[in-house]
Amino acid sequence: MKAAWAALIAILAVAGAARADDYPSRPITIIVPFAAGGPSDAMARVLAERMRTSLGQPLVIENVTGAGGSIGVGRAVHSAPDGYTISFGHLGTHVANGAVYKLNYDLVADLEPVVLLPSNPMIVVSKNAVPATSLKELLDWLKSRPSPPTAGTAGAGSGSHIAGVYFESVSGIKLQYVPYRGTAPALNDLIAGQIDVIVDQTSNSINQVRAGTIRAYAITDDRRLSSAPDIPTAEEAGLKGFNMTLWSGMWVPKGTPKAIVAKLNAAAVEALNDPGVKKQLESQGLEMTPQDQLTPEALGARQKAEIAKWWPMIKAANIKVE
């Protein structure tokens, strides 16, 4: 019996190596768990276009929305571990959702990390009709409303929702959350004046800020963005303790051969080091990942550290969706 098991393991190992040698032989799907046109979708499409050069196959974006991104992540988790399905996500989808939703998968045990992607500080933005020109004036206006002001999110547990809750806790305000299938449609309603504010990803809002269709007050980083040096940090604007970075990453289903993970990582790193890709991502307000952090191990460590940090805060805020 032992000899039979040993032979079977050897056969499977050889088969896995063969699959890795000719990988990829067909298009690869990247599941983005938010609506098309949003910040996650935009980053994924920029990277996919460049990664196809390295991999020799198209990378197709599939937008699977709903439940703060947990449906899209679940689709990837339950896919075959063959390298042809990639889960794209961030702090909200691959950390916060584990404390918010009753998931039928484990965010750490059921996924293999591939690469840590660029990060986004959040930005506090409002519709232009809000009569405030500074963060202090915005807070005064929000507190003076007879009913809680409306804040757009990409759903319970999304980055914009967690950032909003964090904003409430450090400022003493109260918001009424309006969930969307992504921050792209939320931003459209902010521009139209249908909601009051969003604590949004900088990459999603920065072009509309530059165009003057919405108003920005502060970013949640410890330094100003080189791409938007006129926007103060929350600390500079008088709101201490409001610091949050929304990092992103790529994962594949657990059990994907290590050689395939290595090929995907190499293609992503090559894309991130491409001058044209860097220019596109930095123009969106994204901060590039340091070279020594572009490894599967770095993403895995970041995910676990962020779970330890954010889950207690989320549970204390009683953010829960069954």
C-alpha atoms as a PDB file:
ATOM      1  CA  MET A   1       0.000   0.000   0.000  1.00  0.00           C
ATOM      2  CA  LYS A   2       2.818   2.396   0.895  1.00  0.00           C
ATOM      3  CA  ALA A   3       4.503   1.677  -2.412  1.00  0.00           C
ATOM      4  CA  ALA A   4       1.247   2.388  -4.275  1.00  0.00           C
ATOM      5  CA  TRP A   5       0.806   5.730  -2.513  1.00  0.00           C
ATOM      6  CA  ALA A   6       4.421   6.674  -3.268  1.00  0.00           C
ATOM      7  CA  ALA A   7       3.909   5.833  -6.929  1.00  0.00           C
ATOM      8  CA  LEU A   8       0.698   7.886  -7.078  1.00  0.00           C
ATOM      9  CA  ILE A   9       2.398  10.888  -5.468  1.00  0.00           C
ATOM     10  CA  ALA A  10       5.260  10.619  -7.962  1.00  0.00           C
ATOM     11  CA  ILE A  11       2.826  10.491 -10.888  1.00  0.00           C
ATOM     12  CA  LEU A  12       0.934  13.541  -9.607  1.00  0.00           C
ATOM     13  CA  ALA A  13       4.195  15.435  -9.117  1.00  0.00           C
ATOM     14  CA  VAL A  14       5.281  14.699 -12.683  1.00  0.00           C
ATOM     15  CA  ALA A  15       1.840  15.721 -14.005  1.00  0.00           C
ATOM     16  CA  GLY A  16       2.000  18.949 -12.040  1.00  0.00           C
ATOM     17  CA  ALA A  17       5.443  19.721 -13.417  1.00  0.00           C
ATOM     18  CA  ALA A  18       4.219  19.046 -16.944  1.00  0.00           C
ATOM     19  CA  ARG A  19       1.300  21.420 -16.466  1.00  0.00           C
ATOM     20  CA  ALA A  20       3.665  24.100 -15.194  1.00  0.00           C
ATOM     21  CA  ASP A  21       6.038  23.612 -18.151  1.00  0.00           C
ATOM     22  CA  ASP A  22       3.392  24.386 -20.769  1.00  0.00           C
ATOM     23  CA  TYR A  23       1.531  26.955 -18.654  1.00  0.00           C
ATOM     24  CA  PRO A  24      -0.258  29.009 -19.800  1.00  0.00           C
ATOM     25  CA  SER A  25      -1.722  27.372 -22.880  1.00  0.00           C
ATOM     26  CA  ARG A  26      -5.012  29.294 -22.896  1.00  0.00           C
ATOM     27  CA  PRO A  27      -6.421  32.619 -21.624  1.00  0.00           C
ATOM     28  CA  ILE A  28      -6.294  33.406 -17.898  1.00  0.00           C
ATOM     29  CA  THR A  29      -9.238  34.961 -16.047  1.00  0.00           C
ATOM     30  CA  ILE A  30      -8.724  37.663 -13.421  1.00  0.00           C
ATOM     31  CA  ILE A  31     -11.808  37.944 -11.229  1.00  0.00           C
ATOM     32  CA  VAL A  32     -12.259  41.549 -10.073  1.00  0.00           C
ATOM     33  CA  PRO A  33     -14.953  41.561  -7.372  1.00  0.00           C
ATOM     34  CA  PHE A  34     -16.232  45.060  -8.154  1.00  0.00           C
ATOM     35  CA  ALA A  35     -17.946  46.905 -10.993  1.00  0.00           C
ATOM     36  CA  ALA A  36     -16.145  47.821 -14.192  1.00  0.00           C
ATOM     37  CA  GLY A  37     -14.650  51.305 -14.189  1.00  0.00           C
ATOM     38  CA  GLY A  38     -13.713  51.342 -10.512  1.00  0.00           C
ATOM     39  CA  PRO A  39     -10.193  51.546  -9.042  1.00  0.00           C
ATOM     40  CA  SER A  40      -9.681  47.777  -8.721  1.00  0.00           C
ATOM     41  CA  ASP A  41     -10.911  47.222 -12.267  1.00  0.00           C
ATOM     42  CA  ALA A  42      -8.640  49.973 -13.605  1.00  0.00           C
ATOM     43  CA  MET A  43      -5.525  48.580 -11.917  1.00  0.00           C
ATOM     44  CA  ALA A  44      -6.299  45.014 -12.987  1.00  0.00           C
ATOM     45  CA  ARG A  45      -6.737  46.026 -16.627  1.00  0.00           C
ATOM     46  CA  VAL A  46      -3.448  47.946 -16.723  1.00  0.00           C
ATOM     47  CA  LEU A  47      -1.572  44.971 -15.265  1.00  0.00           C
ATOM     48  CA  ALA A  48      -3.390  42.379 -17.391  1.00  0.00           C
ATOM     49  CA  GLU A  49      -2.453  44.128 -20.614  1.00  0.00           C
ATOM     50  CA  ARG A  50       1.248  44.085 -19.711  1.00  0.00           C
ATOM     51  CA  MET A  51       1.256  40.582 -18.185  1.00  0.00           C
ATOM     52  CA  ARG A  52      -0.008  39.077 -21.436  1.00  0.00           C
ATOM     53  CA  THR A  53       3.323  40.065 -23.009  1.00  0.00           C
ATOM     54  CA  SER A  54       5.211  37.936 -20.480  1.00  0.00           C
ATOM     55  CA  LEU A  55       2.799  35.022 -20.368  1.00  0.00           C
ATOM     56  CA  GLY A  56       1.930  34.851 -24.057  1.00  0.00           C
ATOM     57  CA  GLN A  57      -1.796  34.527 -23.390  1.00  0.00           C
ATOM     58  CA  PRO A  58      -4.620  37.064 -22.887  1.00  0.00           C
ATOM     59  CA  LEU A  59      -5.694  37.874 -19.327  1.00  0.00           C
ATOM     60  CA  VAL A  60      -9.449  38.424 -19.316  1.00  0.00           C
ATOM     61  CA  ILE A  61     -11.098  40.575 -16.645  1.00  0.00           C
ATOM     62  CA  GLU A  62     -14.337  39.188 -15.212  1.00  0.00           C
ATOM     63  CA  ASN A  63     -16.254  41.588 -12.945  1.00  0.00           C
ATOM     64  CA  VAL A  64     -18.185  39.565 -10.338  1.00  0.00           C
ATOM     65  CA  THR A  65     -19.909  42.017  -8.020  1.00  0.00           C
ATOM     66  CA  GLY A  66     -21.904  41.865  -4.808  1.00  0.00           C
ATOM     67  CA  ALA A  67     -21.575  41.482  -1.026  1.00  0.00           C
ATOM     68  CA  GLY A  68     -18.558  43.760  -0.678  1.00  0.00           C
ATOM     69  CA  GLY A  69     -16.591  41.664  -3.156  1.00  0.00           C
ATOM     70  CA  SER A  70     -17.066  38.382  -1.275  1.00  0.00           C
ATOM     71  CA  ILE A  71     -19.008  36.756  -4.141  1.00  0.00           C
ATOM     72  CA  GLY A  72     -16.192  37.381  -6.621  1.00  0.00           C
ATOM     73  CA  VAL A  73     -13.546  36.099  -4.218  1.00  0.00           C
ATOM     74  CA  GLY A  74     -15.646  32.991  -3.600  1.00  0.00           C
ATOM     75  CA  ARG A  75     -15.863  32.357  -7.338  1.00  0.00           C
ATOM     76  CA  ALA A  76     -12.067  32.361  -7.516  1.00  0.00           C
ATOM     77  CA  VAL A  77     -11.602  30.232  -4.385  1.00  0.00           C
ATOM     78  CA  HIS A  78     -13.829  27.488  -5.782  1.00  0.00           C
ATOM     79  CA  SER A  79     -12.138  27.462  -9.200  1.00  0.00           C
ATOM     80  CA  ALA A  80      -9.687  24.777 -10.307  1.00  0.00           C
ATOM     81  CA  PRO A  81      -6.176  25.290  -8.838  1.00  0.00           C
ATOM     82  CA  ASP A  82      -4.543  25.339 -12.247  1.00  0.00           C
ATOM     83  CA  GLY A  83      -3.414  28.966 -12.587  1.00  0.00           C
ATOM     84  CA  TYR A  84      -6.182  29.951 -14.989  1.00  0.00           C
ATOM     85  CA  THR A  85      -8.210  31.875 -12.389  1.00  0.00           C
ATOM     86  CA  ILE A  86      -6.704  34.765 -10.433  1.00  0.00           C
ATOM     87  CA  SER A  87      -8.411  36.520  -7.534  1.00  0.00           C
ATOM     88  CA  PHE A  88      -7.778  40.273  -7.544  1.00  0.00           C
ATOM     89  CA  GLY A  89      -8.632  42.121  -4.342  1.00  0.00           C
ATOM     90  CA  HIS A  90      -7.545  44.328  -1.485  1.00  0.00           C
ATOM     91  CA  LEU A  91      -7.777  45.045   2.236  1.00  0.00           C
ATOM     92  CA  GLY A  92     -11.570  44.980   2.062  1.00  0.00           C
ATOM     93  CA  THR A  93     -12.099  41.790   0.077  1.00  0.00           C
ATOM     94  CA  HIS A  94      -9.249  39.664   1.436  1.00  0.00           C
ATOM     95  CA  VAL A  95      -9.156  40.895   5.045  1.00  0.00           C
ATOM     96  CA  ALA A  96     -12.223  42.826   6.241  1.00  0.00           C
ATOM     97  CA  ASN A  97     -14.802  40.541   4.636  1.00  0.00           C
ATOM     98  CA  GLY A  98     -13.691  37.698   6.869  1.00  0.00           C
ATOM     99  CA  ALA A  99     -14.934  39.662   9.892  1.00  0.00           C
ATOM    100  CA  VAL A 100     -18.088  40.972   8.201  1.00  0.00           C
ATOM    101  CA  TYR A 101     -19.596  38.097   6.197  1.00  0.00           C
ATOM    102  CA  LYS A 102     -20.296  34.448   6.945  1.00  0.00           C
ATOM    103  CA  LEU A 103     -18.040  33.124   4.178  1.00  0.00           C
ATOM    104  CA  ASN A 104     -17.986  29.553   2.856  1.00  0.00           C
ATOM    105  CA  TYR A 105     -14.224  29.799   2.444  1.00  0.00           C
ATOM    106  CA  ASP A 106     -11.172  30.804   4.461  1.00  0.00           C
ATOM    107  CA  LEU A 107      -9.357  33.877   3.146  1.00  0.00           C
ATOM    108  CA  VAL A 108      -5.947  32.545   4.193  1.00  0.00           C
ATOM    109  CA  ALA A 109      -6.239  28.750   4.074  1.00  0.00           C
ATOM    110  CA  ASP A 110      -8.057  28.570   0.725  1.00  0.00           C
ATOM    111  CA  LEU A 111      -5.884  30.963  -1.279  1.00  0.00           C
ATOM    112  CA  GLU A 112      -2.252  31.107  -2.381  1.00  0.00           C
ATOM    113  CA  PRO A 113      -0.730  34.611  -2.459  1.00  0.00           C
ATOM    114  CA  VAL A 114       0.890  35.689  -5.730  1.00  0.00           C
ATOM    115  CA  VAL A 115       1.993  39.321  -5.457  1.00  0.00           C
ATOM    116  CA  LEU A 116       1.493  42.434  -3.330  1.00  0.00           C
ATOM    117  CA  LEU A 117       0.277  45.246  -5.595  1.00  0.00           C
ATOM    118  CA  PRO A 118       0.362  49.068  -5.331  1.00  0.00           C
ATOM    119  CA  SER A 119      -1.483  50.752  -2.482  1.00  0.00           C
ATOM    120  CA  ASN A 120      -3.937  53.583  -2.223  1.00  0.00           C
ATOM    121  CA  PRO A 121      -4.388  56.049   0.579  1.00  0.00           C
ATOM    122  CA  MET A 122      -8.026  56.931   1.028  1.00  0.00           C
ATOM    123  CA  ILE A 123      -9.333  60.423   0.293  1.00  0.00           C
ATOM    124  CA  VAL A 124     -12.232  62.310   1.860  1.00  0.00           C
ATOM    125  CA  VAL A 125     -14.371  63.808  -0.919  1.00  0.00           C
ATOM    126  CA  SER A 126     -17.786  65.464  -1.114  1.00  0.00           C
ATOM    127  CA  LYS A 127     -20.256  66.685  -3.673  1.00  0.00           C
ATOM    128  CA  ASN A 128     -19.612  70.253  -4.789  1.00  0.00           C
ATOM    129  CA  ALA A 129     -22.820  71.497  -3.172  1.00  0.00           C
ATOM    130  CA  VAL A 130     -21.299  70.999   0.292  1.00  0.00           C
ATOM    131  CA  PRO A 131     -20.348  74.523   1.488  1.00  0.00           C
ATOM    132  CA  ALA A 132     -16.992  73.519   3.002  1.00  0.00           C
ATOM    133  CA  THR A 133     -13.497  74.295   1.767  1.00  0.00           C
ATOM    134  CA  SER A 134     -11.443  72.557   4.475  1.00  0.00           C
ATOM    135  CA  LEU A 135     -11.672  69.335   6.465  1.00  0.00           C
ATOM    136  CA  LYS A 136     -12.581  71.276   9.614  1.00  0.00           C
ATOM    137  CA  GLU A 137     -15.422  73.026   7.795  1.00  0.00           C
ATOM    138  CA  LEU A 138     -16.571  69.699   6.354  1.00  0.00           C
ATOM    139  CA  LEU A 139     -16.689  68.113   9.816  1.00  0.00           C
ATOM    140  CA  ASP A 140     -18.658  71.084  11.156  1.00  0.00           C
ATOM    141  CA  TRP A 141     -21.104  70.774   8.256  1.00  0.00           C
ATOM    142  CA  LEU A 142     -21.492  66.998   8.705  1.00  0.00           C
ATOM    143  CA  LYS A 143     -22.144  67.402  12.437  1.00  0.00           C
ATOM    144  CA  SER A 144     -24.718  70.160  11.843  1.00  0.00           C
ATOM    145  CA  ARG A 145     -26.994  68.055   9.634  1.00  0.00           C
ATOM    146  CA  PRO A 146     -30.430  67.272  11.155  1.00  0.00           C
ATOM    147  CA  SER A 147     -30.065  63.673   9.897  1.00  0.00           C
ATOM    148  CA  PRO A 148     -26.892  61.665   9.203  1.00  0.00           C
ATOM    149  CA  PRO A 149     -25.234  62.688   5.899  1.00  0.00           C
ATOM    150  CA  THR A 150     -25.118  60.006   3.207  1.00  0.00           C
ATOM    151  CA  ALA A 151     -21.841  58.237   2.419  1.00  0.00           C
ATOM    152  CA  GLY A 152     -21.349  55.973  -0.583  1.00  0.00           C
ATOM    153  CA  THR A 153     -19.617  52.599  -0.189  1.00  0.00           C
ATOM    154  CA  ALA A 154     -18.910  49.516  -2.282  1.00  0.00           C
ATOM    155  CA  GLY A 155     -20.918  47.440   0.209  1.00  0.00           C
ATOM    156  CA  ALA A 156     -20.569  46.268   3.791  1.00  0.00           C
ATOM    157  CA  GLY A 157     -16.953  45.507   4.624  1.00  0.00           C
ATOM    158  CA  SER A 158     -15.559  47.194   1.505  1.00  0.00           C
ATOM    159  CA  GLY A 159     -12.574  49.520   1.780  1.00  0.00           C
ATOM    160  CA  SER A 160     -14.808  52.582   1.495  1.00  0.00           C
ATOM    161  CA  HIS A 161     -17.110  51.249   4.228  1.00  0.00           C
ATOM    162  CA  ILE A 162     -14.293  50.380   6.640  1.00  0.00           C
ATOM    163  CA  ALA A 163     -12.674  53.756   5.953  1.00  0.00           C
ATOM    164  CA  GLY A 164     -16.005  55.467   6.634  1.00  0.00           C
ATOM    165  CA  VAL A 165     -16.375  53.674   9.968  1.00  0.00           C
ATOM    166  CA  TYR A 166     -12.795  54.616  10.831  1.00  0.00           C
ATOM    167  CA  PHE A 167     -13.578  58.238   9.857  1.00  0.00           C
ATOM    168  CA  GLU A 168     -16.603  58.205  12.153  1.00  0.00           C
ATOM    169  CA  SER A 169     -14.593  56.851  15.076  1.00  0.00           C
ATOM    170  CA  VAL A 170     -11.841  59.476  14.928  1.00  0.00           C
ATOM    171  CA  SER A 171     -14.085  62.454  14.108  1.00  0.00           C
ATOM    172  CA  GLY A 172     -17.199  61.800  16.190  1.00  0.00           C
ATOM    173  CA  ILE A 173     -19.567  62.153  13.233  1.00  0.00           C
ATOM    174  CA  LYS A 174     -22.337  59.764  12.191  1.00  0.00           C
ATOM    175  CA  LEU A 175     -22.909  58.713   8.571  1.00  0.00           C
ATOM    176  CA  GLN A 176     -25.729  56.934   6.759  1.00  0.00           C
ATOM    177  CA  TYR A 177     -24.138  54.418   4.395  1.00  0.00           C
ATOM    178  CA  VAL A 178     -25.443  53.883   0.875  1.00  0.00           C
ATOM    179  CA  PRO A 179     -24.083  50.616  -0.622  1.00  0.00           C
ATOM    180  CA  TYR A 180     -23.241  50.234  -4.327  1.00  0.00           C
ATOM    181  CA  ARG A 181     -21.742  47.406  -6.389  1.00  0.00           C
ATOM    182  CA  GLY A 182     -18.465  49.314  -6.499  1.00  0.00           C
ATOM    183  CA  THR A 183     -17.077  52.774  -5.849  1.00  0.00           C
ATOM    184  CA  ALA A 184     -17.351  53.695  -9.538  1.00  0.00           C
ATOM    185  CA  PRO A 185     -21.179  53.907  -9.402  1.00  0.00           C
ATOM    186  CA  ALA A 186     -20.948  55.538  -5.961  1.00  0.00           C
ATOM    187  CA  LEU A 187     -18.668  58.197  -7.417  1.00  0.00           C
ATOM    188  CA  ASN A 188     -21.130  58.829 -10.242  1.00  0.00           C
ATOM    189  CA  ASP A 189     -23.846  59.577  -7.679  1.00  0.00           C
ATOM    190  CA  LEU A 190     -21.495  61.832  -5.726  1.00  0.00           C
ATOM    191  CA  ILE A 191     -20.797  63.856  -8.887  1.00  0.00           C
ATOM    192  CA  ALA A 192     -24.551  64.059  -9.496  1.00  0.00           C
ATOM    193  CA  GLY A 193     -25.134  65.255  -5.933  1.00  0.00           C
ATOM    194  CA  GLN A 194     -27.205  62.214  -4.928  1.00  0.00           C
ATOM    195  CA  ILE A 195     -24.985  61.441  -1.913  1.00  0.00           C
ATOM    196  CA  ASP A 196     -22.931  63.734   0.298  1.00  0.00           C
ATOM    197  CA  VAL A 197     -19.496  62.151   0.809  1.00  0.00           C
ATOM    198  CA  ILE A 198     -17.266  59.159   0.146  1.00  0.00           C
ATOM    199  CA  VAL A 199     -14.108  58.118   1.948  1.00  0.00           C
ATOM    200  CA  ASP A 200     -12.799  56.760  -1.317  1.00  0.00           C
ATOM    201  CA  GLN A 201      -9.709  55.227  -2.856  1.00  0.00           C
ATOM    202  CA  THR A 202      -7.569  58.070  -4.159  1.00  0.00           C
ATOM    203  CA  SER A 203      -7.186  56.378  -7.540  1.00  0.00           C
ATOM    204  CA  ASN A 204     -10.965  56.343  -7.971  1.00  0.00           C
ATOM    205  CA  SER A 205     -11.592  60.006  -7.149  1.00  0.00           C
ATOM    206  CA  ILE A 206      -8.451  61.902  -8.056  1.00  0.00           C
ATOM    207  CA  ASN A 207      -9.334  62.590 -11.699  1.00  0.00           C
ATOM    208  CA  GLN A 208     -12.739  63.971 -10.715  1.00  0.00           C
ATOM    209  CA  VAL A 209     -11.063  66.125  -8.070  1.00  0.00           C
ATOM    210  CA  ARG A 210      -8.727  67.487 -10.745  1.00  0.00           C
ATOM    211  CA  ALA A 211     -11.692  68.090 -13.046  1.00  0.00           C
ATOM    212  CA  GLY A 212     -13.497  70.041 -10.340  1.00  0.00           C
ATOM    213  CA  THR A 213     -16.598  67.822 -10.294  1.00  0.00           C
ATOM    214  CA  ILE A 214     -16.120  66.901  -6.610  1.00  0.00           C
ATOM    215  CA  ARG A 215     -14.196  68.442  -3.718  1.00  0.00           C
ATOM    216  CA  ALA A 216     -11.292  66.855  -1.796  1.00  0.00           C
ATOM    217  CA  TYR A 217     -10.370  67.610   1.818  1.00  0.00           C
ATOM    218  CA  ALA A 218      -7.656  65.207   3.008  1.00  0.00           C
ATOM    219  CA  ILE A 219      -5.834  61.953   2.293  1.00  0.00           C
ATOM    220  CA  THR A 220      -5.258  59.231   4.870  1.00  0.00           C
ATOM    221  CA  ASP A 221      -1.501  58.928   4.403  1.00  0.00           C
ATOM    222  CA  ASP A 222       1.344  60.271   6.524  1.00  0.00           C
ATOM    223  CA  ARG A 223       2.614  62.365   3.614  1.00  0.00           C
ATOM    224  CA  ARG A 224       1.106  64.214   0.673  1.00  0.00           C
ATOM    225  CA  LEU A 225       0.827  62.522  -2.696  1.00  0.00           C
ATOM    226  CA  SER A 226       3.355  63.602  -5.311  1.00  0.00           C
ATOM    227  CA  SER A 227       0.534  63.419  -7.873  1.00  0.00           C
ATOM    228  CA  ALA A 228      -1.715  65.710  -5.774  1.00  0.00           C
ATOM    229  CA  PRO A 229       0.545  67.835  -3.546  1.00  0.00           C
ATOM    230  CA  ASP A 230      -2.149  70.439  -2.870  1.00  0.00           C
ATOM    231  CA  ILE A 231      -4.325  67.992  -0.884  1.00  0.00           C
ATOM    232  CA  PRO A 232      -3.287  67.908   2.804  1.00  0.00           C
ATOM    233  CA  THR A 233      -2.987  64.792   4.922  1.00  0.00           C
ATOM    234  CA  ALA A 234      -5.681  64.245   7.533  1.00  0.00           C
ATOM    235  CA  GLU A 235      -3.084  65.003  10.202  1.00  0.00           C
ATOM    236  CA  GLU A 236      -2.210  68.328   8.560  1.00  0.00           C
ATOM    237  CA  ALA A 237      -5.911  69.122   8.239  1.00  0.00           C
ATOM    238  CA  GLY A 238      -6.419  68.658  11.978  1.00  0.00           C
ATOM    239  CA  LEU A 239      -7.784  65.102  12.194  1.00  0.00           C
ATOM    240  CA  LYS A 240      -5.254  63.055  14.130  1.00  0.00           C
ATOM    241  CA  GLY A 241      -5.141  59.278  13.952  1.00  0.00           C
ATOM    242  CA  PHE A 242      -6.868  58.921  10.583  1.00  0.00           C
ATOM    243  CA  ASN A 243      -4.297  56.896   8.654  1.00  0.00           C
ATOM    244  CA  MET A 244      -5.242  54.063   6.315  1.00  0.00           C
ATOM    245  CA  THR A 245      -3.730  52.512   3.197  1.00  0.00           C
ATOM    246  CA  LEU A 246      -5.749  50.248   0.931  1.00  0.00           C
ATOM    247  CA  TRP A 247      -3.235  47.799  -0.536  1.00  0.00           C
ATOM    248  CA  SER A 248      -4.154  45.321  -3.278  1.00  0.00           C
ATOM    249  CA  GLY A 249      -2.961  41.880  -4.298  1.00  0.00           C
ATOM    250  CA  MET A 250      -3.401  38.820  -6.490  1.00  0.00           C
ATOM    251  CA  TRP A 251      -4.154  35.311  -5.228  1.00  0.00           C
ATOM    252  CA  VAL A 252      -4.888  31.904  -6.800  1.00  0.00           C
ATOM    253  CA  PRO A 253      -6.820  28.923  -5.403  1.00  0.00           C
ATOM    254  CA  LYS A 254      -5.056  26.794  -2.807  1.00  0.00           C
ATOM    255  CA  GLY A 255      -3.190  23.906  -4.375  1.00  0.00           C
ATOM    256  CA  THR A 256      -2.054  25.779  -7.462  1.00  0.00           C
ATOM    257  CA  PRO A 257       1.413  24.396  -8.364  1.00  0.00           C
ATOM    258  CA  LYS A 258       4.276  26.483  -6.969  1.00  0.00           C
ATOM    259  CA  ALA A 259       5.878  26.736 -10.411  1.00  0.00           C
ATOM    260  CA  ILE A 260       2.713  28.344 -11.789  1.00  0.00           C
ATOM    261  CA  VAL A 261       2.533  30.769  -8.851  1.00  0.00           C
ATOM    262  CA  ALA A 262       6.151  31.681  -9.599  1.00  0.00           C
ATOM    263  CA  LYS A 263       5.347  32.327 -13.298  1.00  0.00           C
ATOM    264  CA  LEU A 264       2.413  34.578 -12.385  1.00  0.00           C
ATOM    265  CA  ASN A 265       4.511  36.437  -9.836  1.00  0.00           C
ATOM    266  CA  ALA A 266       7.314  36.984 -12.365  1.00  0.00           C
ATOM    267  CA  ALA A 267       4.853  38.331 -14.952  1.00  0.00           C
ATOM    268  CA  ALA A 268       3.266  40.693 -12.406  1.00  0.00           C
ATOM    269  CA  VAL A 269       6.664  41.953 -11.203  1.00  0.00           C
ATOM    270  CA  GLU A 270       7.759  42.559 -14.776  1.00  0.00           C
ATOM    271  CA  ALA A 271       4.562  44.524 -15.390  1.00  0.00           C
ATOM    272  CA  LEU A 272       4.998  46.610 -12.233  1.00  0.00           C
ATOM    273  CA  ASN A 273       8.563  47.474 -13.269  1.00  0.00           C
ATOM    274  CA  ASP A 274       7.501  48.583 -16.741  1.00  0.00           C
ATOM    275  CA  PRO A 275       7.944  52.394 -16.973  1.00  0.00           C
ATOM    276  CA  GLY A 276       4.666  52.814 -18.859  1.00  0.00           C
ATOM    277  CA  VAL A 277       2.707  50.806 -16.298  1.00  0.00           C
ATOM    278  CA  LYS A 278       4.316  52.683 -13.401  1.00  0.00           C
ATOM    279  CA  LYS A 279       3.408  56.002 -14.995  1.00  0.00           C
ATOM    280  CA  GLN A 280      -0.235  54.956 -15.438  1.00  0.00           C
ATOM    281  CA  LEU A 281      -0.576  53.676 -11.877  1.00  0.00           C
ATOM    282  CA  GLU A 282       1.224  56.585 -10.233  1.00  0.00           C
ATOM    283  CA  SER A 283      -0.924  59.078 -12.156  1.00  0.00           C
ATOM    284  CA  GLN A 284      -3.913  57.501 -10.397  1.00  0.00           C
ATOM    285  CA  GLY A 285      -2.409  58.281  -6.998  1.00  0.00           C
ATOM    286  CA  LEU A 286      -1.176  54.738  -6.387  1.00  0.00           C
ATOM    287  CA  GLU A 287       2.001  54.076  -4.421  1.00  0.00           C
ATOM    288  CA  MET A 288       4.235  51.423  -5.974  1.00  0.00           C
ATOM    289  CA  THR A 289       5.233  48.404  -3.896  1.00  0.00           C
ATOM    290  CA  PRO A 290       8.919  48.306  -2.818  1.00  0.00           C
ATOM    291  CA  GLN A 291      10.914  45.745  -4.806  1.00  0.00           C
ATOM    292  CA  ASP A 292      11.661  43.571  -1.767  1.00  0.00           C
ATOM    293  CA  GLN A 293       7.916  43.246  -1.111  1.00  0.00           C
ATOM    294  CA  LEU A 294       6.981  41.909  -4.565  1.00  0.00           C
ATOM    295  CA  THR A 295       6.858  38.296  -3.404  1.00  0.00           C
ATOM    296  CA  PRO A 296       4.087  35.837  -2.529  1.00  0.00           C
ATOM    297  CA  GLU A 297       5.511  35.655   0.985  1.00  0.00           C
ATOM    298  CA  ALA A 298       5.228  39.431   1.461  1.00  0.00           C
ATOM    299  CA  LEU A 299       1.564  39.401   0.430  1.00  0.00           C
ATOM    300  CA  GLY A 300       0.831  36.473   2.742  1.00  0.00           C
ATOM    301  CA  ALA A 301       2.507  38.215   5.668  1.00  0.00           C
ATOM    302  CA  ARG A 302       0.694  41.496   4.975  1.00  0.00           C
ATOM    303  CA  GLN A 303      -2.689  39.768   4.777  1.00  0.00           C
ATOM    304  CA  LYS A 304      -2.195  37.965   8.104  1.00  0.00           C
ATOM    305  CA  ALA A 305      -0.919  41.112   9.843  1.00  0.00           C
ATOM    306  CA  GLU A 306      -3.882  43.144   8.590  1.00  0.00           C
ATOM    307  CA  ILE A 307      -6.353  40.478   9.750  1.00  0.00           C
ATOM    308  CA  ALA A 308      -4.828  40.736  13.234  1.00  0.00           C
ATOM    309  CA  LYS A 309      -5.157  44.532  13.116  1.00  0.00           C
ATOM    310  CA  TRP A 310      -8.572  45.059  11.525  1.00  0.00           C
ATOM    311  CA  TRP A 311     -10.766  42.150  12.641  1.00  0.00           C
ATOM    312  CA  PRO A 312     -10.961  43.312  16.283  1.00  0.00           C
ATOM    313  CA  MET A 313     -11.846  46.883  15.152  1.00  0.00           C
ATOM    314  CA  ILE A 314     -14.512  45.663  12.726  1.00  0.00           C
ATOM    315  CA  LYS A 315     -16.080  43.347  15.264  1.00  0.00           C
ATOM    316  CA  ALA A 316     -16.042  46.103  17.899  1.00  0.00           C
ATOM    317  CA  ALA A 317     -17.920  48.330  15.426  1.00  0.00           C
ATOM    318  CA  ASN A 318     -20.478  45.510  15.017  1.00  0.00           C
ATOM    319  CA  ILE A 319     -20.255  45.472  11.213  1.00  0.00           C
ATOM    320  CA  LYS A 320     -21.855  42.144  10.384  1.00  0.00           C
ATOM    321  CA  VAL A 321     -23.690  40.726   7.383  1.00  0.00           C
ATOM    322  CA  GLU A 322     -24.911  37.117   7.448  1.00  0.00           C
END
